[in-house]
Amino acid sequence: MSAARPPEGARTAVRSTEVGTISAARPPEGARTAVRSTEGGTISAARPPEGARTAVRSTEVGTISAARPPEGARTAVHRSTEVTHERA
C-alpha cells in the first residue's frame, strides 16, 4: 500500500499481519488505540473518548466493532442464519 504522508509532526504506525500490511496515522497524543487480530484480518481503530462504551463481537463471518449508543438509547441488531439439518 502506498499513501500520502501525514502532516509534519504526525506519528505513523506500520503493522505487518499475515494478510498484509496496515499503515495509518496514529491518533493525537493521549488518544487510546485498540488493535485486534482476527482470523480474517486485523482491525485497528482509535478508541472512543473515556466513558464511551464499545462492543466488539467475533462471529463466524467476521468481526463487528461499534461504539455503543448513549445510556438509555435502544438499539437492535439481528442476525439470522439458515441451518439445514440432514439425517443419514
N, C-alpha and C. Protein backbone atom coordinates (compact mmCIF):
# COMPACT_ATOMS: atom_id res chain seq x y z
N MET A 1 0.84 -1.19 0.00
CA MET A 1 0.00 0.00 0.00
C MET A 1 0.88 1.24 0.00
N SER A 2 0.46 2.21 -0.76
CA SER A 2 1.18 3.47 -0.78
C SER A 2 0.18 4.58 -0.54
N ALA A 3 0.55 5.51 0.33
CA ALA A 3 -0.39 6.59 0.64
C ALA A 3 0.38 7.87 0.88
N ALA A 4 -0.32 8.99 0.78
CA ALA A 4 0.30 10.28 1.06
C ALA A 4 0.78 10.31 2.50
N ARG A 5 1.91 10.94 2.70
CA ARG A 5 2.44 11.03 4.06
C ARG A 5 1.59 11.98 4.89
N PRO A 6 1.49 11.71 6.18
CA PRO A 6 0.72 12.61 7.04
C PRO A 6 1.47 13.92 7.26
N PRO A 7 0.81 14.94 7.79
CA PRO A 7 1.46 16.22 8.03
C PRO A 7 2.69 16.08 8.93
N GLU A 8 3.61 17.01 8.80
CA GLU A 8 4.83 17.00 9.62
C GLU A 8 4.45 16.98 11.09
N GLY A 9 5.08 16.12 11.84
CA GLY A 9 4.80 16.03 13.27
C GLY A 9 3.82 14.92 13.60
N ALA A 10 3.08 14.47 12.61
CA ALA A 10 2.15 13.37 12.85
C ALA A 10 2.95 12.09 13.00
N ARG A 11 2.44 11.18 13.80
CA ARG A 11 3.12 9.91 14.02
C ARG A 11 2.43 8.84 13.20
N THR A 12 3.19 7.92 12.69
CA THR A 12 2.60 6.86 11.90
C THR A 12 2.93 5.50 12.49
N ALA A 13 2.08 4.55 12.20
CA ALA A 13 2.29 3.18 12.66
C ALA A 13 2.17 2.25 11.47
N VAL A 14 3.08 1.32 11.37
CA VAL A 14 3.02 0.32 10.32
C VAL A 14 2.99 -1.03 10.99
N ARG A 15 2.00 -1.82 10.69
CA ARG A 15 1.86 -3.14 11.28
C ARG A 15 1.83 -4.18 10.17
N SER A 16 2.56 -5.25 10.39
CA SER A 16 2.58 -6.33 9.42
C SER A 16 1.70 -7.46 9.94
N THR A 17 0.82 -7.95 9.11
CA THR A 17 -0.07 -9.03 9.50
C THR A 17 0.08 -10.18 8.51
N GLU A 18 -0.56 -11.29 8.83
CA GLU A 18 -0.49 -12.44 7.94
C GLU A 18 -1.16 -12.15 6.60
N VAL A 19 -2.11 -11.24 6.60
CA VAL A 19 -2.84 -10.97 5.36
C VAL A 19 -2.36 -9.71 4.66
N GLY A 20 -1.37 -9.01 5.22
CA GLY A 20 -0.85 -7.83 4.56
C GLY A 20 -0.29 -6.84 5.56
N THR A 21 -0.16 -5.59 5.13
CA THR A 21 0.40 -4.55 5.99
C THR A 21 -0.59 -3.40 6.11
N ILE A 22 -0.73 -2.91 7.32
CA ILE A 22 -1.62 -1.78 7.57
C ILE A 22 -0.75 -0.61 8.00
N SER A 23 -0.90 0.50 7.34
CA SER A 23 -0.17 1.71 7.70
C SER A 23 -1.16 2.83 7.90
N ALA A 24 -1.11 3.47 9.04
CA ALA A 24 -2.08 4.53 9.33
C ALA A 24 -1.46 5.57 10.23
N ALA A 25 -1.97 6.79 10.12
CA ALA A 25 -1.52 7.85 11.01
C ALA A 25 -2.00 7.54 12.42
N ARG A 26 -1.14 7.73 13.37
CA ARG A 26 -1.53 7.50 14.76
C ARG A 26 -2.44 8.63 15.22
N PRO A 27 -3.31 8.35 16.16
CA PRO A 27 -4.19 9.39 16.68
C PRO A 27 -3.40 10.40 17.53
N PRO A 28 -4.02 11.52 17.86
CA PRO A 28 -3.34 12.53 18.67
C PRO A 28 -2.84 11.96 20.00
N GLU A 29 -1.83 12.59 20.55
CA GLU A 29 -1.27 12.15 21.83
C GLU A 29 -2.37 12.10 22.87
N GLY A 30 -2.40 11.03 23.62
CA GLY A 30 -3.40 10.89 24.66
C GLY A 30 -4.57 10.04 24.22
N ALA A 31 -4.77 9.93 22.91
CA ALA A 31 -5.85 9.08 22.42
C ALA A 31 -5.44 7.62 22.61
N ARG A 32 -6.42 6.77 22.84
CA ARG A 32 -6.13 5.35 23.05
C ARG A 32 -6.48 4.58 21.79
N THR A 33 -5.70 3.59 21.48
CA THR A 33 -5.98 2.80 20.29
C THR A 33 -6.12 1.33 20.66
N ALA A 34 -6.85 0.63 19.83
CA ALA A 34 -7.02 -0.81 20.03
C ALA A 34 -6.70 -1.52 18.72
N VAL A 35 -5.93 -2.57 18.81
CA VAL A 35 -5.63 -3.39 17.65
C VAL A 35 -6.05 -4.80 17.98
N ARG A 36 -6.92 -5.36 17.17
CA ARG A 36 -7.41 -6.71 17.40
C ARG A 36 -7.09 -7.56 16.18
N SER A 37 -6.60 -8.75 16.45
CA SER A 37 -6.28 -9.67 15.37
C SER A 37 -7.37 -10.72 15.28
N THR A 38 -7.87 -10.94 14.09
CA THR A 38 -8.91 -11.93 13.87
C THR A 38 -8.45 -12.90 12.79
N GLU A 39 -9.20 -13.98 12.60
CA GLU A 39 -8.85 -14.94 11.57
C GLU A 39 -8.94 -14.32 10.18
N GLY A 40 -9.80 -13.33 10.03
CA GLY A 40 -9.99 -12.72 8.72
C GLY A 40 -9.11 -11.52 8.47
N GLY A 41 -8.37 -11.06 9.47
CA GLY A 41 -7.51 -9.91 9.29
C GLY A 41 -7.29 -9.17 10.59
N THR A 42 -6.89 -7.92 10.51
CA THR A 42 -6.61 -7.12 11.69
C THR A 42 -7.42 -5.84 11.65
N ILE A 43 -7.96 -5.48 12.79
CA ILE A 43 -8.73 -4.25 12.91
C ILE A 43 -7.95 -3.30 13.82
N SER A 44 -7.69 -2.11 13.36
CA SER A 44 -7.01 -1.10 14.16
C SER A 44 -7.86 0.15 14.15
N ALA A 45 -8.20 0.65 15.32
CA ALA A 45 -9.07 1.82 15.38
C ALA A 45 -8.80 2.62 16.63
N ALA A 46 -9.04 3.92 16.54
CA ALA A 46 -8.91 4.76 17.73
C ALA A 46 -10.03 4.42 18.69
N ARG A 47 -9.69 4.33 19.94
CA ARG A 47 -10.72 4.06 20.94
C ARG A 47 -11.57 5.30 21.14
N PRO A 48 -12.81 5.13 21.53
CA PRO A 48 -13.68 6.28 21.76
C PRO A 48 -13.26 7.04 23.01
N PRO A 49 -13.83 8.23 23.23
CA PRO A 49 -13.48 9.01 24.41
C PRO A 49 -13.74 8.24 25.70
N GLU A 50 -13.03 8.61 26.73
CA GLU A 50 -13.19 7.96 28.04
C GLU A 50 -14.65 8.01 28.45
N GLY A 51 -15.15 6.90 28.90
CA GLY A 51 -16.53 6.84 29.35
C GLY A 51 -17.45 6.24 28.29
N ALA A 52 -17.06 6.32 27.04
CA ALA A 52 -17.88 5.70 26.00
C ALA A 52 -17.73 4.19 26.09
N ARG A 53 -18.79 3.48 25.74
CA ARG A 53 -18.74 2.03 25.82
C ARG A 53 -18.63 1.45 24.42
N THR A 54 -17.85 0.43 24.27
CA THR A 54 -17.71 -0.19 22.96
C THR A 54 -18.01 -1.68 23.05
N ALA A 55 -18.40 -2.23 21.93
CA ALA A 55 -18.66 -3.66 21.86
C ALA A 55 -17.93 -4.23 20.66
N VAL A 56 -17.21 -5.29 20.87
CA VAL A 56 -16.56 -5.99 19.78
C VAL A 56 -17.04 -7.43 19.83
N ARG A 57 -17.63 -7.88 18.75
CA ARG A 57 -18.15 -9.23 18.71
C ARG A 57 -17.50 -9.99 17.56
N SER A 58 -17.07 -11.18 17.85
CA SER A 58 -16.48 -12.02 16.82
C SER A 58 -17.52 -13.04 16.36
N THR A 59 -17.71 -13.12 15.07
CA THR A 59 -18.68 -14.06 14.51
C THR A 59 -17.98 -14.98 13.52
N GLU A 60 -18.72 -15.97 13.05
CA GLU A 60 -18.15 -16.90 12.08
C GLU A 60 -17.85 -16.20 10.76
N VAL A 61 -18.55 -15.13 10.47
CA VAL A 61 -18.35 -14.46 9.19
C VAL A 61 -17.48 -13.21 9.31
N GLY A 62 -17.02 -12.87 10.49
CA GLY A 62 -16.16 -11.71 10.63
C GLY A 62 -16.26 -11.10 12.01
N THR A 63 -15.85 -9.85 12.12
CA THR A 63 -15.85 -9.16 13.39
C THR A 63 -16.64 -7.86 13.28
N ILE A 64 -17.45 -7.60 14.27
CA ILE A 64 -18.24 -6.37 14.31
C ILE A 64 -17.70 -5.52 15.46
N SER A 65 -17.34 -4.29 15.16
CA SER A 65 -16.85 -3.38 16.19
C SER A 65 -17.62 -2.08 16.07
N ALA A 66 -18.23 -1.64 17.15
CA ALA A 66 -19.02 -0.41 17.08
C ALA A 66 -19.11 0.23 18.45
N ALA A 67 -19.19 1.55 18.45
CA ALA A 67 -19.40 2.26 19.71
C ALA A 67 -20.83 2.04 20.16
N ARG A 68 -21.00 1.78 21.41
CA ARG A 68 -22.35 1.60 21.94
C ARG A 68 -23.04 2.95 22.03
N PRO A 69 -24.35 2.98 21.89
CA PRO A 69 -25.08 4.24 21.99
C PRO A 69 -25.09 4.76 23.43
N PRO A 70 -25.48 6.02 23.62
CA PRO A 70 -25.55 6.56 24.98
C PRO A 70 -26.49 5.75 25.86
N GLU A 71 -26.26 5.81 27.13
CA GLU A 71 -27.10 5.08 28.09
C GLU A 71 -28.55 5.49 27.89
N GLY A 72 -29.42 4.52 27.82
CA GLY A 72 -30.84 4.81 27.65
C GLY A 72 -31.30 4.67 26.21
N ALA A 73 -30.38 4.78 25.25
CA ALA A 73 -30.77 4.60 23.85
C ALA A 73 -30.99 3.12 23.61
N ARG A 74 -31.93 2.82 22.73
CA ARG A 74 -32.22 1.42 22.45
C ARG A 74 -31.83 1.09 21.01
N THR A 75 -31.11 0.02 20.84
CA THR A 75 -30.74 -0.41 19.50
C THR A 75 -31.01 -1.90 19.37
N ALA A 76 -31.17 -2.34 18.15
CA ALA A 76 -31.39 -3.76 17.92
C ALA A 76 -30.55 -4.20 16.74
N VAL A 77 -29.84 -5.28 16.91
CA VAL A 77 -29.08 -5.88 15.82
C VAL A 77 -29.50 -7.33 15.75
N HIS A 78 -29.99 -7.72 14.59
CA HIS A 78 -30.45 -9.09 14.42
C HIS A 78 -29.64 -9.77 13.34
N ARG A 79 -29.24 -10.99 13.61
CA ARG A 79 -28.53 -11.79 12.62
C ARG A 79 -29.26 -13.10 12.47
N SER A 80 -29.76 -13.34 11.29
CA SER A 80 -30.48 -14.59 11.07
C SER A 80 -29.63 -15.52 10.23
N THR A 81 -29.67 -16.78 10.58
CA THR A 81 -28.94 -17.78 9.82
C THR A 81 -29.87 -18.94 9.51
N GLU A 82 -29.67 -19.51 8.37
CA GLU A 82 -30.47 -20.66 7.99
C GLU A 82 -29.63 -21.91 8.16
N VAL A 83 -30.11 -22.81 8.98
CA VAL A 83 -29.37 -24.03 9.27
C VAL A 83 -30.16 -25.21 8.73
N THR A 84 -29.49 -26.04 8.00
CA THR A 84 -30.14 -27.22 7.45
C THR A 84 -29.64 -28.46 8.17
N HIS A 85 -30.55 -29.25 8.64
CA HIS A 85 -30.19 -30.50 9.31
C HIS A 85 -30.45 -31.67 8.36
N GLU A 86 -29.46 -32.50 8.21
CA GLU A 86 -29.62 -33.66 7.35
C GLU A 86 -29.51 -34.92 8.19
N ARG A 87 -30.35 -35.87 7.87
CA ARG A 87 -30.30 -37.15 8.58
C ARG A 87 -29.76 -38.21 7.65
N ALA A 88 -28.98 -39.11 8.23
CA ALA A 88 -28.40 -40.19 7.42
C ALA A 88 -29.48 -41.18 7.04
